[in-house]
Amino acid sequence: MKIESPDPLDLTRAAAAFAALGSEQRLSVLRALVRAGPDGLSIGALGDRTGVTGSTLTHHVKILASAGLVTQARQGRSIICAAVAFDEVRHLSDFLLTECCADSINPEDHTHG
């Protein structure tokens, strides 16, 4: 069963999200934030958990935020980062299974063989 091509905006959004996740350090940051839950983590705690600190961490968080995967909010003197993209990550997974593999697998069957 062939599935219609996705809306170009969806392709653009998916490409931006995949690009943002295309770094081991950014993937580590997102994983730590997802594990932390909706309350998120301060920049310091995020750095402690991931080993990514300083301007490098700020840079990676900015890329993830611009892709819509995390948010940053000031709480007093701290900046709290949180993953907001649980649905977006699910959307990316669905995108891979239904759009990229539409001609080769049944989206309901996640086995490859």
C-alpha atoms as a PDB file:
ATOM      1  CA  MET A   1       0.000   0.000   0.000  1.00  0.00           C
ATOM      2  CA  LYS A   2       1.562   3.283  -1.100  1.00  0.00           C
ATOM      3  CA  ILE A   3       1.087   6.244   1.222  1.00  0.00           C
ATOM      4  CA  GLU A   4       0.786   9.734  -0.233  1.00  0.00           C
ATOM      5  CA  SER A   5       3.798  12.008   0.029  1.00  0.00           C
ATOM      6  CA  PRO A   6       3.875  14.104   3.166  1.00  0.00           C
ATOM      7  CA  ASP A   7       3.175  17.810   3.144  1.00  0.00           C
ATOM      8  CA  PRO A   8       6.456  19.678   2.404  1.00  0.00           C
ATOM      9  CA  LEU A   9       6.120  21.515   5.720  1.00  0.00           C
ATOM     10  CA  ASP A  10       6.153  18.156   7.488  1.00  0.00           C
ATOM     11  CA  LEU A  11       9.310  17.234   5.584  1.00  0.00           C
ATOM     12  CA  THR A  12      10.894  20.524   6.612  1.00  0.00           C
ATOM     13  CA  ARG A  13       9.985  20.016  10.268  1.00  0.00           C
ATOM     14  CA  ALA A  14      11.178  16.417  10.223  1.00  0.00           C
ATOM     15  CA  ALA A  15      14.451  17.411   8.560  1.00  0.00           C
ATOM     16  CA  ALA A  16      15.077  20.126  11.169  1.00  0.00           C
ATOM     17  CA  ALA A  17      14.377  17.736  14.030  1.00  0.00           C
ATOM     18  CA  PHE A  18      16.567  14.985  12.580  1.00  0.00           C
ATOM     19  CA  ALA A  19      19.352  17.513  11.979  1.00  0.00           C
ATOM     20  CA  ALA A  20      19.082  18.649  15.599  1.00  0.00           C
ATOM     21  CA  LEU A  21      19.365  15.046  16.749  1.00  0.00           C
ATOM     22  CA  GLY A  22      22.338  14.378  14.481  1.00  0.00           C
ATOM     23  CA  SER A  23      24.885  14.882  17.250  1.00  0.00           C
ATOM     24  CA  GLU A  24      25.738  12.459  20.030  1.00  0.00           C
ATOM     25  CA  GLN A  25      25.920  15.338  22.498  1.00  0.00           C
ATOM     26  CA  ARG A  26      22.525  16.755  21.497  1.00  0.00           C
ATOM     27  CA  LEU A  27      20.979  13.310  21.623  1.00  0.00           C
ATOM     28  CA  SER A  28      22.460  12.881  25.107  1.00  0.00           C
ATOM     29  CA  VAL A  29      21.011  16.246  26.172  1.00  0.00           C
ATOM     30  CA  LEU A  30      17.553  15.369  24.853  1.00  0.00           C
ATOM     31  CA  ARG A  31      17.679  11.936  26.489  1.00  0.00           C
ATOM     32  CA  ALA A  32      18.564  13.491  29.861  1.00  0.00           C
ATOM     33  CA  LEU A  33      15.714  15.976  29.544  1.00  0.00           C
ATOM     34  CA  VAL A  34      13.196  13.309  28.557  1.00  0.00           C
ATOM     35  CA  ARG A  35      14.280  11.223  31.562  1.00  0.00           C
ATOM     36  CA  ALA A  36      13.950  14.270  33.835  1.00  0.00           C
ATOM     37  CA  GLY A  37      10.287  14.632  32.904  1.00  0.00           C
ATOM     38  CA  PRO A  38       8.210  17.784  32.533  1.00  0.00           C
ATOM     39  CA  ASP A  39       9.972  19.673  35.341  1.00  0.00           C
ATOM     40  CA  GLY A  40      13.195  19.627  33.342  1.00  0.00           C
ATOM     41  CA  LEU A  41      16.673  20.378  34.626  1.00  0.00           C
ATOM     42  CA  SER A  42      18.714  23.453  35.328  1.00  0.00           C
ATOM     43  CA  ILE A  43      21.590  24.078  32.932  1.00  0.00           C
ATOM     44  CA  GLY A  44      24.019  23.028  35.692  1.00  0.00           C
ATOM     45  CA  ALA A  45      22.212  19.761  36.421  1.00  0.00           C
ATOM     46  CA  LEU A  46      21.898  19.067  32.702  1.00  0.00           C
ATOM     47  CA  GLY A  47      25.644  19.565  32.304  1.00  0.00           C
ATOM     48  CA  ASP A  48      26.350  17.262  35.246  1.00  0.00           C
ATOM     49  CA  ARG A  49      24.167  14.502  33.781  1.00  0.00           C
ATOM     50  CA  THR A  50      25.499  14.732  30.235  1.00  0.00           C
ATOM     51  CA  GLY A  51      29.096  15.855  30.670  1.00  0.00           C
ATOM     52  CA  VAL A  52      28.393  18.687  28.210  1.00  0.00           C
ATOM     53  CA  THR A  53      29.021  22.077  29.805  1.00  0.00           C
ATOM     54  CA  GLY A  54      29.480  25.768  29.181  1.00  0.00           C
ATOM     55  CA  SER A  55      29.036  27.328  25.783  1.00  0.00           C
ATOM     56  CA  THR A  56      28.913  23.882  24.136  1.00  0.00           C
ATOM     57  CA  LEU A  57      25.845  22.951  26.189  1.00  0.00           C
ATOM     58  CA  THR A  58      24.246  26.332  25.488  1.00  0.00           C
ATOM     59  CA  HIS A  59      24.854  25.829  21.766  1.00  0.00           C
ATOM     60  CA  HIS A  60      23.309  22.346  21.746  1.00  0.00           C
ATOM     61  CA  VAL A  61      20.280  23.419  23.794  1.00  0.00           C
ATOM     62  CA  LYS A  62      19.728  26.338  21.388  1.00  0.00           C
ATOM     63  CA  ILE A  63      19.705  23.959  18.395  1.00  0.00           C
ATOM     64  CA  LEU A  64      17.287  21.582  20.128  1.00  0.00           C
ATOM     65  CA  ALA A  65      15.051  24.499  21.101  1.00  0.00           C
ATOM     66  CA  SER A  66      15.002  25.914  17.569  1.00  0.00           C
ATOM     67  CA  ALA A  67      13.894  22.485  16.326  1.00  0.00           C
ATOM     68  CA  GLY A  68      11.029  22.557  18.850  1.00  0.00           C
ATOM     69  CA  LEU A  69      12.368  19.667  20.908  1.00  0.00           C
ATOM     70  CA  VAL A  70      13.118  21.509  24.178  1.00  0.00           C
ATOM     71  CA  THR A  71      12.174  24.712  25.963  1.00  0.00           C
ATOM     72  CA  GLN A  72      14.172  27.045  28.151  1.00  0.00           C
ATOM     73  CA  ALA A  73      12.632  29.149  30.910  1.00  0.00           C
ATOM     74  CA  ARG A  74      14.163  31.365  33.553  1.00  0.00           C
ATOM     75  CA  GLN A  75      13.298  30.498  37.157  1.00  0.00           C
ATOM     76  CA  GLY A  76      14.924  33.045  39.418  1.00  0.00           C
ATOM     77  CA  ARG A  77      18.638  32.899  38.645  1.00  0.00           C
ATOM     78  CA  SER A  78      18.451  29.502  36.912  1.00  0.00           C
ATOM     79  CA  ILE A  79      17.575  28.550  33.376  1.00  0.00           C
ATOM     80  CA  ILE A  80      15.461  25.407  33.308  1.00  0.00           C
ATOM     81  CA  CYS A  81      15.466  23.264  30.190  1.00  0.00           C
ATOM     82  CA  ALA A  82      12.719  20.747  29.539  1.00  0.00           C
ATOM     83  CA  ALA A  83      11.858  18.318  26.783  1.00  0.00           C
ATOM     84  CA  VAL A  84       8.537  19.296  25.291  1.00  0.00           C
ATOM     85  CA  ALA A  85       8.637  17.100  22.300  1.00  0.00           C
ATOM     86  CA  PHE A  86       7.343  13.733  23.390  1.00  0.00           C
ATOM     87  CA  ASP A  87       4.750  13.978  20.609  1.00  0.00           C
ATOM     88  CA  GLU A  88       7.371  15.308  18.188  1.00  0.00           C
ATOM     89  CA  VAL A  89       9.675  12.346  18.862  1.00  0.00           C
ATOM     90  CA  ARG A  90       6.736   9.990  18.302  1.00  0.00           C
ATOM     91  CA  HIS A  91       5.923  11.896  15.097  1.00  0.00           C
ATOM     92  CA  LEU A  92       9.522  11.438  13.889  1.00  0.00           C
ATOM     93  CA  SER A  93       9.334   7.711  14.570  1.00  0.00           C
ATOM     94  CA  ASP A  94       6.023   7.474  12.721  1.00  0.00           C
ATOM     95  CA  PHE A  95       7.506   9.556   9.896  1.00  0.00           C
ATOM     96  CA  LEU A  96      10.330   7.051   9.453  1.00  0.00           C
ATOM     97  CA  LEU A  97       8.023   4.049   9.519  1.00  0.00           C
ATOM     98  CA  THR A  98       5.207   5.391   7.347  1.00  0.00           C
ATOM     99  CA  GLU A  99       6.892   7.810   4.960  1.00  0.00           C
ATOM    100  CA  CYS A 100      10.413   6.535   4.469  1.00  0.00           C
ATOM    101  CA  CYS A 101       9.525   2.852   4.442  1.00  0.00           C
ATOM    102  CA  ALA A 102       6.055   3.104   2.891  1.00  0.00           C
ATOM    103  CA  ASP A 103       6.937   1.057  -0.171  1.00  0.00           C
ATOM    104  CA  SER A 104       8.790  -1.716   1.645  1.00  0.00           C
ATOM    105  CA  ILE A 105       6.940  -2.504   4.895  1.00  0.00           C
ATOM    106  CA  ASN A 106       3.486  -2.437   6.333  1.00  0.00           C
ATOM    107  CA  PRO A 107       3.420   0.424   8.919  1.00  0.00           C
ATOM    108  CA  GLU A 108       1.494  -1.851  11.282  1.00  0.00           C
ATOM    109  CA  ASP A 109       4.259  -4.478  11.095  1.00  0.00           C
ATOM    110  CA  HIS A 110       7.529  -3.137  12.495  1.00  0.00           C
ATOM    111  CA  THR A 111       9.476  -6.270  11.605  1.00  0.00           C
ATOM    112  CA  HIS A 112      11.680  -6.242   8.551  1.00  0.00           C
ATOM    113  CA  GLY A 113      11.431  -9.632   7.050  1.00  0.00           C
END
